[in-house]
Structures are given as C-alpha cells and as structure tokens.
Amino acid sequence: YDLPKGHLNFGEKPLEGAIRETSEETGITDLDFRWGTKSIILSTCQFYIAATKQDPQIIQNPKTKVFEHDDFEWVPFEKAHEKLEHWLKLAILWAEQITKG
C-alpha cells in the first residue's frame, strides 16, 4: 500500500506537484480541496488532503512508461493504518484528524 507522491519538476510548487503526481499515478484529475490546502511534510514528501468522485486507474508513468502500481483500493482510515508503512501512517492520522474534525 502507498500514497501518490514523487519529485517536483523545476519551478513547480508543492501543491502543483501533488496534483500532477496524483494525476500521473492514478489518473485522478478531479480533486476537491474542501479542507483547504494545508499540508504535512514527512521526510521529503509533502501531503495534502482532497476528495474525489473519480476512481483511480492503473496507468503508465507518462515520462518513464513504467506502471508504478499494480492495483488500487479505496480504504477506510483504519485499514490504511494497518497496511501503510510506518512513516506514511502519520499522514493518515493527520488526514483523519482534519477530515473528522
């Protein structure tokens, strides 16, 4: 299990990079930042929270032509806590606190 993430392109702002990486890795382009554009930085990654009605797709990275994921699954916060690597769990805890108020 993983979250969309990657490197910024030259001159790209973190939010722009997050939107681009989400599109490149999942095909999701309809992001609703209903909780604002607050972010959390973990290691060298900056994460944002958005909602979408789109389903993810398994697509090739447009630059490398590599499939970066094998499958996708929408999961509740509890399952994300179980499945994600430890350092990513902090992003889930943060997102859960913001979205649940």
Protein backbone atom coordinates (compact mmCIF):
# COMPACT_ATOMS: atom_id res chain seq x y z
CA TYR A 1 0.00 0.00 0.00
CA ASP A 2 1.20 3.51 -0.81
CA LEU A 3 0.10 7.10 -1.37
CA PRO A 4 0.69 9.14 -4.55
CA LYS A 5 3.98 11.02 -4.29
CA GLY A 6 7.03 11.98 -6.30
CA HIS A 7 9.55 14.68 -7.12
CA LEU A 8 8.81 18.28 -8.03
CA ASN A 9 9.57 19.45 -11.53
CA PHE A 10 11.78 22.53 -11.87
CA GLY A 11 9.86 25.63 -10.77
CA GLU A 12 6.86 23.61 -9.61
CA LYS A 13 5.18 24.48 -6.30
CA PRO A 14 4.44 21.61 -3.87
CA LEU A 15 0.67 21.70 -4.38
CA GLU A 16 1.11 21.73 -8.17
CA GLY A 17 3.44 18.75 -7.88
CA ALA A 18 0.99 16.85 -5.69
CA ILE A 19 -1.81 17.42 -8.20
CA ARG A 20 0.43 16.35 -11.10
CA GLU A 21 1.72 13.24 -9.29
CA THR A 22 -1.82 12.22 -8.35
CA SER A 23 -2.84 12.50 -12.00
CA GLU A 24 0.25 10.65 -13.27
CA GLU A 25 -0.03 7.80 -10.76
CA THR A 26 -3.80 7.37 -10.56
CA GLY A 27 -5.42 9.21 -13.48
CA ILE A 28 -7.40 11.27 -10.95
CA THR A 29 -7.73 14.88 -12.08
CA ASP A 30 -10.89 15.94 -10.23
CA LEU A 31 -9.58 16.89 -6.79
CA ASP A 32 -11.70 18.82 -4.29
CA PHE A 33 -9.57 20.51 -1.62
CA ARG A 34 -12.62 21.01 0.61
CA TRP A 35 -10.42 21.05 3.75
CA GLY A 36 -8.13 23.71 2.28
CA THR A 37 -4.58 23.28 1.11
CA LYS A 38 -2.91 22.64 4.45
CA SER A 39 -0.19 20.05 4.18
CA ILE A 40 2.04 17.83 6.26
CA ILE A 41 5.71 17.20 5.47
CA LEU A 42 7.11 13.76 6.21
CA SER A 43 10.70 13.05 5.26
CA THR A 44 10.99 14.77 1.85
CA CYS A 45 7.30 14.37 0.93
CA GLN A 46 4.54 16.94 1.33
CA PHE A 47 1.00 15.55 1.56
CA TYR A 48 -2.36 17.27 1.03
CA ILE A 49 -5.96 16.15 1.58
CA ALA A 50 -8.50 16.12 -1.23
CA ALA A 51 -11.73 14.35 -2.07
CA THR A 52 -12.71 12.97 -5.46
CA LYS A 53 -15.55 11.10 -7.10
CA GLN A 54 -13.21 9.57 -9.68
CA ASP A 55 -11.95 6.01 -9.48
CA PRO A 56 -8.20 5.53 -9.88
CA GLN A 57 -6.72 3.83 -12.93
CA ILE A 58 -3.57 1.80 -13.39
CA ILE A 59 -1.64 3.81 -15.96
CA GLN A 60 1.93 4.12 -17.19
CA ASN A 61 4.04 6.99 -15.92
CA PRO A 62 3.98 9.44 -18.84
CA LYS A 63 7.75 10.01 -18.64
CA THR A 64 9.16 6.58 -17.78
CA LYS A 65 6.35 4.47 -19.34
CA VAL A 66 6.57 2.27 -16.22
CA PHE A 67 3.49 1.05 -14.35
CA GLU A 68 4.19 2.29 -10.82
CA HIS A 69 1.27 0.43 -9.19
CA ASP A 70 -0.37 -2.98 -9.56
CA ASP A 71 -3.74 -2.21 -8.02
CA PHE A 72 -5.78 0.46 -6.26
CA GLU A 73 -8.20 0.28 -3.40
CA TRP A 74 -10.15 2.94 -1.50
CA VAL A 75 -9.88 2.01 2.18
CA PRO A 76 -11.10 3.48 5.46
CA PHE A 77 -8.58 5.15 7.73
CA GLU A 78 -8.38 2.05 9.95
CA LYS A 79 -7.24 -0.20 7.09
CA ALA A 80 -4.75 2.43 5.91
CA HIS A 81 -3.24 2.37 9.43
CA GLU A 82 -2.82 -1.40 9.12
CA LYS A 83 -1.40 -1.50 5.59
CA LEU A 84 0.83 1.55 5.09
CA GLU A 85 4.49 1.78 6.01
CA HIS A 86 5.04 3.35 9.42
CA TRP A 87 6.23 6.74 8.16
CA LEU A 88 3.13 7.16 5.97
CA LYS A 89 0.79 6.35 8.87
CA LEU A 90 1.49 9.82 10.26
CA ALA A 91 -0.08 11.35 7.13
CA ILE A 92 -3.16 9.19 7.63
CA LEU A 93 -3.50 10.19 11.28
CA TRP A 94 -3.19 13.85 10.25
CA ALA A 95 -5.77 13.48 7.46
CA GLU A 96 -8.17 11.64 9.76
CA GLN A 97 -8.00 14.42 12.37
CA ILE A 98 -8.68 17.13 9.79
CA THR A 99 -11.46 15.37 7.91
CA LYS A 100 -13.29 14.16 11.01
CA GLY A 101 -12.88 17.50 12.81
